[in-house]
Amino acid sequence: MIEPFLLAVRALGKSVPGPRELFRALDLDVRAGELVAIIGESGVGKSTLLNILAGLDDADTGSVAIDGIVLGELDETARTRVRRERIGFVFQAFHILPYLTLRQNVALPLALISPDQAAASARAEAMLDAVGLGGRGDGYARDLSGGELQRVAIARALVHRPALILADEPTGNLDPETAARVLALFADAVRGNGAAGVMVTHSDASAAIADRVLTLGRDGLVERRGV
Protein backbone atom coordinates (compact mmCIF):
# COMPACT_ATOMS: atom_id res chain seq x y z
CA MET A 1 0.00 0.00 0.00
CA ILE A 2 1.32 3.44 -0.93
CA GLU A 3 1.62 5.66 2.15
CA PRO A 4 -0.28 8.97 1.56
CA PHE A 5 1.86 10.91 4.03
CA LEU A 6 5.42 12.14 3.54
CA LEU A 7 6.10 11.41 7.22
CA ALA A 8 4.29 8.47 8.79
CA VAL A 9 4.92 7.45 12.41
CA ARG A 10 3.22 4.38 13.81
CA ALA A 11 2.89 3.18 17.45
CA LEU A 12 6.16 4.77 18.54
CA GLY A 13 7.34 4.10 22.08
CA LYS A 14 10.44 5.23 23.95
CA SER A 15 11.78 4.84 27.48
CA VAL A 16 14.98 6.21 29.02
CA PRO A 17 17.20 4.85 31.82
CA GLY A 18 15.56 4.94 35.18
CA PRO A 19 13.55 3.36 33.70
CA ARG A 20 11.12 6.09 32.67
CA GLU A 21 8.65 5.93 29.83
CA LEU A 22 8.62 9.08 27.69
CA PHE A 23 5.77 8.14 25.37
CA ARG A 24 3.98 5.13 23.93
CA ALA A 25 1.69 4.30 21.00
CA LEU A 26 2.58 7.61 19.33
CA ASP A 27 1.18 8.13 15.84
CA LEU A 28 1.94 11.09 13.59
CA ASP A 29 1.13 11.79 9.94
CA VAL A 30 2.47 14.85 8.12
CA ARG A 31 1.60 15.58 4.51
CA ALA A 32 3.83 17.26 1.95
CA GLY A 33 3.64 21.01 2.45
CA GLU A 34 2.34 20.73 6.03
CA LEU A 35 4.02 22.25 9.09
CA VAL A 36 3.33 20.72 12.51
CA ALA A 37 4.36 22.25 15.83
CA ILE A 38 4.86 20.04 18.89
CA ILE A 39 4.66 21.53 22.36
CA GLY A 40 4.85 19.99 25.82
CA GLU A 41 6.40 20.28 29.25
CA SER A 42 10.15 19.93 29.74
CA GLY A 43 11.26 16.32 29.96
CA VAL A 44 8.38 14.77 28.02
CA GLY A 45 10.69 13.75 25.18
CA LYS A 46 10.19 16.39 22.48
CA SER A 47 13.86 16.49 21.45
CA THR A 48 14.09 12.70 21.72
CA LEU A 49 11.15 12.39 19.35
CA LEU A 50 12.86 14.64 16.80
CA ASN A 51 16.03 12.57 17.05
CA ILE A 52 14.01 9.41 16.35
CA LEU A 53 12.31 11.04 13.36
CA ALA A 54 15.75 11.95 12.01
CA GLY A 55 17.12 8.44 12.49
CA LEU A 56 19.62 9.66 15.08
CA ASP A 57 18.03 7.61 17.86
CA ASP A 58 16.03 4.39 17.89
CA ALA A 59 12.55 3.94 19.31
CA ASP A 60 11.80 0.94 21.50
CA THR A 61 8.67 0.14 19.51
CA GLY A 62 6.95 1.34 16.35
CA SER A 63 8.17 2.70 13.03
CA VAL A 64 9.09 5.91 11.19
CA ALA A 65 8.70 6.19 7.41
CA ILE A 66 9.90 9.13 5.31
CA ASP A 67 8.41 9.22 1.82
CA GLY A 68 7.70 5.50 2.15
CA ILE A 69 11.19 4.59 3.42
CA VAL A 70 11.03 2.86 6.82
CA LEU A 71 14.10 3.95 8.79
CA GLY A 72 14.14 0.85 10.99
CA GLU A 73 14.59 -1.38 7.94
CA LEU A 74 17.82 0.34 6.87
CA ASP A 75 21.40 -0.38 7.83
CA GLU A 76 23.45 2.55 9.15
CA THR A 77 24.92 3.40 5.74
CA ALA A 78 21.50 3.65 4.11
CA ARG A 79 20.09 5.55 7.06
CA THR A 80 22.94 8.07 6.83
CA ARG A 81 22.15 8.54 3.13
CA VAL A 82 18.51 9.28 3.94
CA ARG A 83 19.56 11.85 6.54
CA ARG A 84 21.90 13.56 4.09
CA GLU A 85 19.52 13.66 1.16
CA ARG A 86 16.04 13.90 2.66
CA ILE A 87 16.27 15.50 6.11
CA GLY A 88 17.13 19.00 7.31
CA PHE A 89 17.59 19.40 11.08
CA VAL A 90 17.86 22.65 13.05
CA PHE A 91 19.54 21.55 16.28
CA GLN A 92 19.01 23.46 19.50
CA ALA A 93 22.79 23.43 20.07
CA PHE A 94 23.50 24.69 16.49
CA HIS A 95 26.39 22.25 15.70
CA ILE A 96 28.14 24.85 13.53
CA LEU A 97 31.66 23.61 12.68
CA PRO A 98 34.17 26.23 13.94
CA TYR A 99 36.91 25.41 11.41
CA LEU A 100 34.65 26.01 8.39
CA THR A 101 33.47 29.37 7.11
CA LEU A 102 29.79 30.19 7.43
CA ARG A 103 29.37 29.57 3.69
CA GLN A 104 31.04 26.18 3.98
CA ASN A 105 28.86 25.28 6.97
CA VAL A 106 25.68 26.11 5.10
CA ALA A 107 26.86 24.37 1.93
CA LEU A 108 27.80 21.19 3.78
CA PRO A 109 24.56 19.23 3.08
CA LEU A 110 24.92 19.98 -0.63
CA ALA A 111 28.64 19.20 -0.63
CA LEU A 112 27.85 15.73 0.74
CA ILE A 113 25.41 14.86 -2.04
CA SER A 114 26.52 16.85 -5.10
CA PRO A 115 29.86 17.24 -6.93
CA ASP A 116 28.94 20.77 -8.09
CA GLN A 117 30.74 22.78 -5.42
CA ALA A 118 30.25 26.10 -7.21
CA ALA A 119 26.48 25.64 -7.22
CA ALA A 120 26.58 24.58 -3.58
CA SER A 121 28.50 27.70 -2.64
CA ALA A 122 26.11 29.96 -4.57
CA ARG A 123 23.09 28.31 -2.96
CA ALA A 124 24.70 28.73 0.48
CA GLU A 125 25.23 32.45 -0.16
CA ALA A 126 21.58 32.82 -1.15
CA MET A 127 20.46 31.08 2.05
CA LEU A 128 22.71 33.25 4.21
CA ASP A 129 21.16 36.30 2.57
CA ALA A 130 17.67 34.90 3.22
CA VAL A 131 18.35 34.68 6.98
CA GLY A 132 19.86 38.17 7.13
CA LEU A 133 23.56 37.23 6.98
CA GLY A 134 24.30 38.18 3.40
CA GLY A 135 27.93 39.11 2.73
CA ARG A 136 29.22 37.26 5.80
CA GLY A 137 29.93 33.90 4.22
CA ASP A 138 33.70 34.20 4.76
CA GLY A 139 33.28 34.66 8.51
CA TYR A 140 33.52 32.02 11.23
CA ALA A 141 31.36 30.91 14.12
CA ARG A 142 33.54 32.78 16.62
CA ASP A 143 32.43 36.06 15.03
CA LEU A 144 28.72 35.44 15.61
CA SER A 145 26.25 35.84 18.45
CA GLY A 146 24.00 33.00 19.54
CA GLY A 147 21.13 34.36 17.49
CA GLU A 148 23.30 34.62 14.39
CA LEU A 149 24.51 31.05 14.87
CA GLN A 150 20.88 29.97 15.02
CA ARG A 151 20.27 31.62 11.66
CA VAL A 152 23.26 29.84 10.13
CA ALA A 153 21.88 26.54 11.45
CA ILE A 154 18.51 27.24 9.85
CA ALA A 155 20.11 28.17 6.53
CA ARG A 156 22.09 24.91 6.58
CA ALA A 157 18.97 22.85 7.33
CA LEU A 158 17.08 24.33 4.38
CA VAL A 159 19.82 24.65 1.77
CA HIS A 160 19.35 21.23 0.10
CA ARG A 161 15.54 21.50 -0.01
CA PRO A 162 14.96 18.40 2.14
CA ALA A 163 11.77 16.36 2.12
CA LEU A 164 11.55 16.44 5.91
CA ILE A 165 12.51 19.52 7.93
CA LEU A 166 12.91 19.14 11.70
CA ALA A 167 13.55 22.01 14.10
CA ASP A 168 14.26 21.99 17.83
CA GLU A 169 13.36 25.44 19.23
CA PRO A 170 14.39 27.20 15.98
CA THR A 171 13.87 30.74 17.34
CA GLY A 172 15.00 30.23 20.93
CA ASN A 173 17.95 32.64 20.63
CA LEU A 174 16.41 35.24 18.33
CA ASP A 175 14.89 38.65 18.96
CA PRO A 176 11.19 38.94 18.00
CA GLU A 177 11.81 40.66 14.65
CA THR A 178 14.44 38.16 13.52
CA ALA A 179 12.37 35.28 14.87
CA ALA A 180 9.41 36.34 12.74
CA ARG A 181 11.63 36.52 9.66
CA VAL A 182 13.16 33.12 10.30
CA LEU A 183 9.77 31.52 11.00
CA ALA A 184 8.43 32.90 7.72
CA LEU A 185 11.46 31.44 5.90
CA PHE A 186 10.95 28.12 7.64
CA ALA A 187 7.25 27.98 6.78
CA ASP A 188 7.90 29.02 3.16
CA ALA A 189 10.53 26.28 2.82
CA VAL A 190 8.05 23.65 4.04
CA ARG A 191 5.09 24.80 1.99
CA GLY A 192 6.91 26.05 -1.08
CA ASN A 193 9.06 22.94 -1.50
CA GLY A 194 6.35 20.46 -0.57
CA ALA A 195 8.29 19.26 2.46
CA ALA A 196 6.97 17.89 5.73
CA GLY A 197 7.88 20.14 8.66
CA VAL A 198 7.97 19.27 12.36
CA MET A 199 8.97 21.93 14.88
CA VAL A 200 9.39 21.57 18.64
CA THR A 201 8.83 24.85 20.48
CA HIS A 202 7.86 26.43 23.79
CA SER A 203 6.73 29.59 22.01
CA ASP A 204 3.05 30.16 21.23
CA ALA A 205 4.12 32.75 18.63
CA SER A 206 6.25 30.16 16.86
CA ALA A 207 3.55 27.49 17.12
CA ALA A 208 0.98 29.87 15.63
CA ILE A 209 2.58 29.63 12.15
CA ALA A 210 1.97 25.87 12.04
CA ASP A 211 -0.93 24.17 10.30
CA ARG A 212 -1.43 22.01 13.39
CA VAL A 213 -0.23 22.26 17.00
CA LEU A 214 0.15 19.00 18.93
CA THR A 215 0.87 18.48 22.61
CA LEU A 216 3.23 15.62 23.48
CA GLY A 217 2.53 13.51 26.54
CA ARG A 218 3.09 9.96 27.71
CA ASP A 219 0.12 8.67 25.70
CA GLY A 220 1.28 10.30 22.47
CA LEU A 221 0.21 13.44 20.64
CA VAL A 222 -3.02 15.38 21.15
CA GLU A 223 -4.10 18.19 18.86
CA ARG A 224 -4.27 21.56 20.56
CA ARG A 225 -7.14 23.86 19.69
CA GLY A 226 -7.40 27.63 19.67
CA VAL A 227 -3.72 28.57 19.14
C-alpha atoms as a PDB file:
ATOM      1  CA  MET A   1       0.000   0.000   0.000  1.00  0.00           C
ATOM      2  CA  ILE A   2       1.318   3.443  -0.934  1.00  0.00           C
ATOM      3  CA  GLU A   3       1.616   5.663   2.154  1.00  0.00           C
ATOM      4  CA  PRO A   4      -0.281   8.971   1.562  1.00  0.00           C
ATOM      5  CA  PHE A   5       1.857  10.914   4.025  1.00  0.00           C
ATOM      6  CA  LEU A   6       5.416  12.141   3.540  1.00  0.00           C
ATOM      7  CA  LEU A   7       6.102  11.409   7.223  1.00  0.00           C
ATOM      8  CA  ALA A   8       4.289   8.466   8.794  1.00  0.00           C
ATOM      9  CA  VAL A   9       4.923   7.448  12.411  1.00  0.00           C
ATOM     10  CA  ARG A  10       3.217   4.377  13.809  1.00  0.00           C
ATOM     11  CA  ALA A  11       2.886   3.180  17.455  1.00  0.00           C
ATOM     12  CA  LEU A  12       6.159   4.771  18.538  1.00  0.00           C
ATOM     13  CA  GLY A  13       7.341   4.097  22.077  1.00  0.00           C
ATOM     14  CA  LYS A  14      10.437   5.232  23.950  1.00  0.00           C
ATOM     15  CA  SER A  15      11.783   4.843  27.482  1.00  0.00           C
ATOM     16  CA  VAL A  16      14.978   6.215  29.023  1.00  0.00           C
ATOM     17  CA  PRO A  17      17.204   4.846  31.819  1.00  0.00           C
ATOM     18  CA  GLY A  18      15.562   4.940  35.183  1.00  0.00           C
ATOM     19  CA  PRO A  19      13.552   3.358  33.703  1.00  0.00           C
ATOM     20  CA  ARG A  20      11.123   6.093  32.672  1.00  0.00           C
ATOM     21  CA  GLU A  21       8.649   5.926  29.830  1.00  0.00           C
ATOM     22  CA  LEU A  22       8.617   9.076  27.686  1.00  0.00           C
ATOM     23  CA  PHE A  23       5.769   8.139  25.370  1.00  0.00           C
ATOM     24  CA  ARG A  24       3.979   5.125  23.932  1.00  0.00           C
ATOM     25  CA  ALA A  25       1.694   4.301  20.996  1.00  0.00           C
ATOM     26  CA  LEU A  26       2.582   7.608  19.334  1.00  0.00           C
ATOM     27  CA  ASP A  27       1.183   8.131  15.836  1.00  0.00           C
ATOM     28  CA  LEU A  28       1.941  11.094  13.590  1.00  0.00           C
ATOM     29  CA  ASP A  29       1.131  11.791   9.935  1.00  0.00           C
ATOM     30  CA  VAL A  30       2.469  14.846   8.121  1.00  0.00           C
ATOM     31  CA  ARG A  31       1.596  15.583   4.506  1.00  0.00           C
ATOM     32  CA  ALA A  32       3.831  17.258   1.948  1.00  0.00           C
ATOM     33  CA  GLY A  33       3.636  21.014   2.449  1.00  0.00           C
ATOM     34  CA  GLU A  34       2.338  20.734   6.028  1.00  0.00           C
ATOM     35  CA  LEU A  35       4.022  22.253   9.090  1.00  0.00           C
ATOM     36  CA  VAL A  36       3.326  20.717  12.505  1.00  0.00           C
ATOM     37  CA  ALA A  37       4.365  22.251  15.832  1.00  0.00           C
ATOM     38  CA  ILE A  38       4.862  20.045  18.890  1.00  0.00           C
ATOM     39  CA  ILE A  39       4.661  21.533  22.364  1.00  0.00           C
ATOM     40  CA  GLY A  40       4.850  19.994  25.821  1.00  0.00           C
ATOM     41  CA  GLU A  41       6.400  20.283  29.247  1.00  0.00           C
ATOM     42  CA  SER A  42      10.152  19.926  29.737  1.00  0.00           C
ATOM     43  CA  GLY A  43      11.262  16.319  29.962  1.00  0.00           C
ATOM     44  CA  VAL A  44       8.378  14.766  28.025  1.00  0.00           C
ATOM     45  CA  GLY A  45      10.689  13.750  25.179  1.00  0.00           C
ATOM     46  CA  LYS A  46      10.194  16.389  22.480  1.00  0.00           C
ATOM     47  CA  SER A  47      13.861  16.486  21.450  1.00  0.00           C
ATOM     48  CA  THR A  48      14.092  12.703  21.719  1.00  0.00           C
ATOM     49  CA  LEU A  49      11.147  12.392  19.354  1.00  0.00           C
ATOM     50  CA  LEU A  50      12.856  14.644  16.802  1.00  0.00           C
ATOM     51  CA  ASN A  51      16.029  12.567  17.048  1.00  0.00           C
ATOM     52  CA  ILE A  52      14.011   9.411  16.353  1.00  0.00           C
ATOM     53  CA  LEU A  53      12.310  11.040  13.363  1.00  0.00           C
ATOM     54  CA  ALA A  54      15.754  11.947  12.012  1.00  0.00           C
ATOM     55  CA  GLY A  55      17.117   8.439  12.494  1.00  0.00           C
ATOM     56  CA  LEU A  56      19.625   9.662  15.076  1.00  0.00           C
ATOM     57  CA  ASP A  57      18.034   7.610  17.858  1.00  0.00           C
ATOM     58  CA  ASP A  58      16.025   4.389  17.888  1.00  0.00           C
ATOM     59  CA  ALA A  59      12.554   3.936  19.305  1.00  0.00           C
ATOM     60  CA  ASP A  60      11.799   0.944  21.505  1.00  0.00           C
ATOM     61  CA  THR A  61       8.669   0.144  19.512  1.00  0.00           C
ATOM     62  CA  GLY A  62       6.948   1.339  16.351  1.00  0.00           C
ATOM     63  CA  SER A  63       8.171   2.702  13.030  1.00  0.00           C
ATOM     64  CA  VAL A  64       9.087   5.908  11.195  1.00  0.00           C
ATOM     65  CA  ALA A  65       8.699   6.188   7.410  1.00  0.00           C
ATOM     66  CA  ILE A  66       9.904   9.128   5.312  1.00  0.00           C
ATOM     67  CA  ASP A  67       8.411   9.217   1.822  1.00  0.00           C
ATOM     68  CA  GLY A  68       7.703   5.504   2.153  1.00  0.00           C
ATOM     69  CA  ILE A  69      11.187   4.590   3.424  1.00  0.00           C
ATOM     70  CA  VAL A  70      11.027   2.858   6.820  1.00  0.00           C
ATOM     71  CA  LEU A  71      14.096   3.947   8.793  1.00  0.00           C
ATOM     72  CA  GLY A  72      14.144   0.851  10.988  1.00  0.00           C
ATOM     73  CA  GLU A  73      14.589  -1.382   7.940  1.00  0.00           C
ATOM     74  CA  LEU A  74      17.816   0.338   6.872  1.00  0.00           C
ATOM     75  CA  ASP A  75      21.402  -0.382   7.831  1.00  0.00           C
ATOM     76  CA  GLU A  76      23.448   2.546   9.154  1.00  0.00           C
ATOM     77  CA  THR A  77      24.922   3.402   5.744  1.00  0.00           C
ATOM     78  CA  ALA A  78      21.504   3.645   4.115  1.00  0.00           C
ATOM     79  CA  ARG A  79      20.093   5.555   7.064  1.00  0.00           C
ATOM     80  CA  THR A  80      22.937   8.072   6.825  1.00  0.00           C
ATOM     81  CA  ARG A  81      22.153   8.537   3.132  1.00  0.00           C
ATOM     82  CA  VAL A  82      18.513   9.278   3.938  1.00  0.00           C
ATOM     83  CA  ARG A  83      19.564  11.849   6.541  1.00  0.00           C
ATOM     84  CA  ARG A  84      21.899  13.556   4.091  1.00  0.00           C
ATOM     85  CA  GLU A  85      19.522  13.659   1.159  1.00  0.00           C
ATOM     86  CA  ARG A  86      16.042  13.903   2.658  1.00  0.00           C
ATOM     87  CA  ILE A  87      16.267  15.496   6.114  1.00  0.00           C
ATOM     88  CA  GLY A  88      17.128  19.000   7.310  1.00  0.00           C
ATOM     89  CA  PHE A  89      17.588  19.403  11.077  1.00  0.00           C
ATOM     90  CA  VAL A  90      17.862  22.651  13.047  1.00  0.00           C
ATOM     91  CA  PHE A  91      19.543  21.549  16.284  1.00  0.00           C
ATOM     92  CA  GLN A  92      19.008  23.461  19.504  1.00  0.00           C
ATOM     93  CA  ALA A  93      22.794  23.430  20.065  1.00  0.00           C
ATOM     94  CA  PHE A  94      23.498  24.693  16.493  1.00  0.00           C
ATOM     95  CA  HIS A  95      26.395  22.253  15.700  1.00  0.00           C
ATOM     96  CA  ILE A  96      28.138  24.846  13.527  1.00  0.00           C
ATOM     97  CA  LEU A  97      31.661  23.612  12.685  1.00  0.00           C
ATOM     98  CA  PRO A  98      34.175  26.233  13.937  1.00  0.00           C
ATOM     99  CA  TYR A  99      36.911  25.408  11.414  1.00  0.00           C
ATOM    100  CA  LEU A 100      34.652  26.006   8.388  1.00  0.00           C
ATOM    101  CA  THR A 101      33.465  29.370   7.111  1.00  0.00           C
ATOM    102  CA  LEU A 102      29.790  30.191   7.429  1.00  0.00           C
ATOM    103  CA  ARG A 103      29.368  29.573   3.694  1.00  0.00           C
ATOM    104  CA  GLN A 104      31.042  26.184   3.983  1.00  0.00           C
ATOM    105  CA  ASN A 105      28.865  25.281   6.974  1.00  0.00           C
ATOM    106  CA  VAL A 106      25.678  26.112   5.105  1.00  0.00           C
ATOM    107  CA  ALA A 107      26.856  24.371   1.927  1.00  0.00           C
ATOM    108  CA  LEU A 108      27.802  21.190   3.779  1.00  0.00           C
ATOM    109  CA  PRO A 109      24.560  19.235   3.084  1.00  0.00           C
ATOM    110  CA  LEU A 110      24.919  19.983  -0.629  1.00  0.00           C
ATOM    111  CA  ALA A 111      28.638  19.196  -0.634  1.00  0.00           C
ATOM    112  CA  LEU A 112      27.846  15.730   0.744  1.00  0.00           C
ATOM    113  CA  ILE A 113      25.410  14.858  -2.043  1.00  0.00           C
ATOM    114  CA  SER A 114      26.519  16.853  -5.098  1.00  0.00           C
ATOM    115  CA  PRO A 115      29.864  17.243  -6.933  1.00  0.00           C
ATOM    116  CA  ASP A 116      28.940  20.770  -8.085  1.00  0.00           C
ATOM    117  CA  GLN A 117      30.742  22.781  -5.418  1.00  0.00           C
ATOM    118  CA  ALA A 118      30.254  26.105  -7.208  1.00  0.00           C
ATOM    119  CA  ALA A 119      26.481  25.640  -7.225  1.00  0.00           C
ATOM    120  CA  ALA A 120      26.575  24.578  -3.579  1.00  0.00           C
ATOM    121  CA  SER A 121      28.501  27.704  -2.644  1.00  0.00           C
ATOM    122  CA  ALA A 122      26.107  29.958  -4.571  1.00  0.00           C
ATOM    123  CA  ARG A 123      23.087  28.315  -2.960  1.00  0.00           C
ATOM    124  CA  ALA A 124      24.698  28.730   0.479  1.00  0.00           C
ATOM    125  CA  GLU A 125      25.231  32.445  -0.164  1.00  0.00           C
ATOM    126  CA  ALA A 126      21.580  32.818  -1.150  1.00  0.00           C
ATOM    127  CA  MET A 127      20.458  31.082   2.052  1.00  0.00           C
ATOM    128  CA  LEU A 128      22.713  33.254   4.210  1.00  0.00           C
ATOM    129  CA  ASP A 129      21.159  36.297   2.568  1.00  0.00           C
ATOM    130  CA  ALA A 130      17.669  34.900   3.221  1.00  0.00           C
ATOM    131  CA  VAL A 131      18.347  34.678   6.978  1.00  0.00           C
ATOM    132  CA  GLY A 132      19.862  38.174   7.128  1.00  0.00           C
ATOM    133  CA  LEU A 133      23.558  37.233   6.978  1.00  0.00           C
ATOM    134  CA  GLY A 134      24.303  38.182   3.399  1.00  0.00           C
ATOM    135  CA  GLY A 135      27.927  39.107   2.731  1.00  0.00           C
ATOM    136  CA  ARG A 136      29.220  37.260   5.804  1.00  0.00           C
ATOM    137  CA  GLY A 137      29.926  33.900   4.216  1.00  0.00           C
ATOM    138  CA  ASP A 138      33.700  34.200   4.765  1.00  0.00           C
ATOM    139  CA  GLY A 139      33.282  34.661   8.515  1.00  0.00           C
ATOM    140  CA  TYR A 140      33.517  32.023  11.225  1.00  0.00           C
ATOM    141  CA  ALA A 141      31.357  30.914  14.120  1.00  0.00           C
ATOM    142  CA  ARG A 142      33.542  32.781  16.619  1.00  0.00           C
ATOM    143  CA  ASP A 143      32.430  36.058  15.031  1.00  0.00           C
ATOM    144  CA  LEU A 144      28.719  35.438  15.609  1.00  0.00           C
ATOM    145  CA  SER A 145      26.248  35.842  18.445  1.00  0.00           C
ATOM    146  CA  GLY A 146      23.999  32.996  19.542  1.00  0.00           C
ATOM    147  CA  GLY A 147      21.125  34.356  17.490  1.00  0.00           C
ATOM    148  CA  GLU A 148      23.299  34.617  14.392  1.00  0.00           C
ATOM    149  CA  LEU A 149      24.513  31.048  14.868  1.00  0.00           C
ATOM    150  CA  GLN A 150      20.883  29.974  15.021  1.00  0.00           C
ATOM    151  CA  ARG A 151      20.268  31.617  11.662  1.00  0.00           C
ATOM    152  CA  VAL A 152      23.258  29.838  10.127  1.00  0.00           C
ATOM    153  CA  ALA A 153      21.883  26.537  11.454  1.00  0.00           C
ATOM    154  CA  ILE A 154      18.509  27.244   9.850  1.00  0.00           C
ATOM    155  CA  ALA A 155      20.114  28.172   6.529  1.00  0.00           C
ATOM    156  CA  ARG A 156      22.090  24.907   6.578  1.00  0.00           C
ATOM    157  CA  ALA A 157      18.970  22.851   7.332  1.00  0.00           C
ATOM    158  CA  LEU A 158      17.077  24.331   4.380  1.00  0.00           C
ATOM    159  CA  VAL A 159      19.816  24.647   1.769  1.00  0.00           C
ATOM    160  CA  HIS A 160      19.352  21.234   0.102  1.00  0.00           C
ATOM    161  CA  ARG A 161      15.539  21.499  -0.012  1.00  0.00           C
ATOM    162  CA  PRO A 162      14.963  18.401   2.142  1.00  0.00           C
ATOM    163  CA  ALA A 163      11.769  16.359   2.117  1.00  0.00           C
ATOM    164  CA  LEU A 164      11.549  16.436   5.915  1.00  0.00           C
ATOM    165  CA  ILE A 165      12.511  19.522   7.930  1.00  0.00           C
ATOM    166  CA  LEU A 166      12.911  19.137  11.700  1.00  0.00           C
ATOM    167  CA  ALA A 167      13.550  22.012  14.098  1.00  0.00           C
ATOM    168  CA  ASP A 168      14.262  21.986  17.831  1.00  0.00           C
ATOM    169  CA  GLU A 169      13.363  25.439  19.226  1.00  0.00           C
ATOM    170  CA  PRO A 170      14.385  27.204  15.982  1.00  0.00           C
ATOM    171  CA  THR A 171      13.868  30.737  17.342  1.00  0.00           C
ATOM    172  CA  GLY A 172      15.001  30.231  20.929  1.00  0.00           C
ATOM    173  CA  ASN A 173      17.949  32.641  20.631  1.00  0.00           C
ATOM    174  CA  LEU A 174      16.411  35.240  18.330  1.00  0.00           C
ATOM    175  CA  ASP A 175      14.890  38.647  18.957  1.00  0.00           C
ATOM    176  CA  PRO A 176      11.193  38.937  17.999  1.00  0.00           C
ATOM    177  CA  GLU A 177      11.808  40.658  14.646  1.00  0.00           C
ATOM    178  CA  THR A 178      14.444  38.160  13.519  1.00  0.00           C
ATOM    179  CA  ALA A 179      12.370  35.276  14.869  1.00  0.00           C
ATOM    180  CA  ALA A 180       9.411  36.339  12.739  1.00  0.00           C
ATOM    181  CA  ARG A 181      11.635  36.524   9.657  1.00  0.00           C
ATOM    182  CA  VAL A 182      13.156  33.119  10.298  1.00  0.00           C
ATOM    183  CA  LEU A 183       9.772  31.516  11.003  1.00  0.00           C
ATOM    184  CA  ALA A 184       8.434  32.896   7.725  1.00  0.00           C
ATOM    185  CA  LEU A 185      11.457  31.444   5.902  1.00  0.00           C
ATOM    186  CA  PHE A 186      10.954  28.125   7.643  1.00  0.00           C
ATOM    187  CA  ALA A 187       7.246  27.985   6.777  1.00  0.00           C
ATOM    188  CA  ASP A 188       7.904  29.016   3.161  1.00  0.00           C
ATOM    189  CA  ALA A 189      10.530  26.277   2.816  1.00  0.00           C
ATOM    190  CA  VAL A 190       8.046  23.650   4.037  1.00  0.00           C
ATOM    191  CA  ARG A 191       5.089  24.801   1.988  1.00  0.00           C
ATOM    192  CA  GLY A 192       6.912  26.054  -1.085  1.00  0.00           C
ATOM    193  CA  ASN A 193       9.064  22.938  -1.497  1.00  0.00           C
ATOM    194  CA  GLY A 194       6.349  20.460  -0.572  1.00  0.00           C
ATOM    195  CA  ALA A 195       8.294  19.255   2.457  1.00  0.00           C
ATOM    196  CA  ALA A 196       6.969  17.894   5.726  1.00  0.00           C
ATOM    197  CA  GLY A 197       7.882  20.140   8.659  1.00  0.00           C
ATOM    198  CA  VAL A 198       7.971  19.271  12.358  1.00  0.00           C
ATOM    199  CA  MET A 199       8.967  21.931  14.877  1.00  0.00           C
ATOM    200  CA  VAL A 200       9.389  21.571  18.636  1.00  0.00           C
ATOM    201  CA  THR A 201       8.825  24.846  20.479  1.00  0.00           C
ATOM    202  CA  HIS A 202       7.865  26.427  23.791  1.00  0.00           C
ATOM    203  CA  SER A 203       6.726  29.585  22.006  1.00  0.00           C
ATOM    204  CA  ASP A 204       3.050  30.156  21.228  1.00  0.00           C
ATOM    205  CA  ALA A 205       4.116  32.747  18.634  1.00  0.00           C
ATOM    206  CA  SER A 206       6.246  30.160  16.862  1.00  0.00           C
ATOM    207  CA  ALA A 207       3.553  27.491  17.116  1.00  0.00           C
ATOM    208  CA  ALA A 208       0.984  29.872  15.625  1.00  0.00           C
ATOM    209  CA  ILE A 209       2.583  29.632  12.154  1.00  0.00           C
ATOM    210  CA  ALA A 210       1.965  25.869  12.038  1.00  0.00           C
ATOM    211  CA  ASP A 211      -0.925  24.167  10.298  1.00  0.00           C
ATOM    212  CA  ARG A 212      -1.428  22.007  13.394  1.00  0.00           C
ATOM    213  CA  VAL A 213      -0.230  22.256  16.995  1.00  0.00           C
ATOM    214  CA  LEU A 214       0.154  18.996  18.926  1.00  0.00           C
ATOM    215  CA  THR A 215       0.867  18.480  22.615  1.00  0.00           C
ATOM    216  CA  LEU A 216       3.229  15.620  23.477  1.00  0.00           C
ATOM    217  CA  GLY A 217       2.525  13.508  26.545  1.00  0.00           C
ATOM    218  CA  ARG A 218       3.089   9.956  27.709  1.00  0.00           C
ATOM    219  CA  ASP A 219       0.124   8.674  25.700  1.00  0.00           C
ATOM    220  CA  GLY A 220       1.276  10.295  22.471  1.00  0.00           C
ATOM    221  CA  LEU A 221       0.212  13.439  20.635  1.00  0.00           C
ATOM    222  CA  VAL A 222      -3.016  15.379  21.149  1.00  0.00           C
ATOM    223  CA  GLU A 223      -4.099  18.190  18.856  1.00  0.00           C
ATOM    224  CA  ARG A 224      -4.269  21.563  20.557  1.00  0.00           C
ATOM    225  CA  ARG A 225      -7.136  23.862  19.690  1.00  0.00           C
ATOM    226  CA  GLY A 226      -7.404  27.626  19.670  1.00  0.00           C
ATOM    227  CA  VAL A 227      -3.716  28.566  19.137  1.00  0.00           C
END
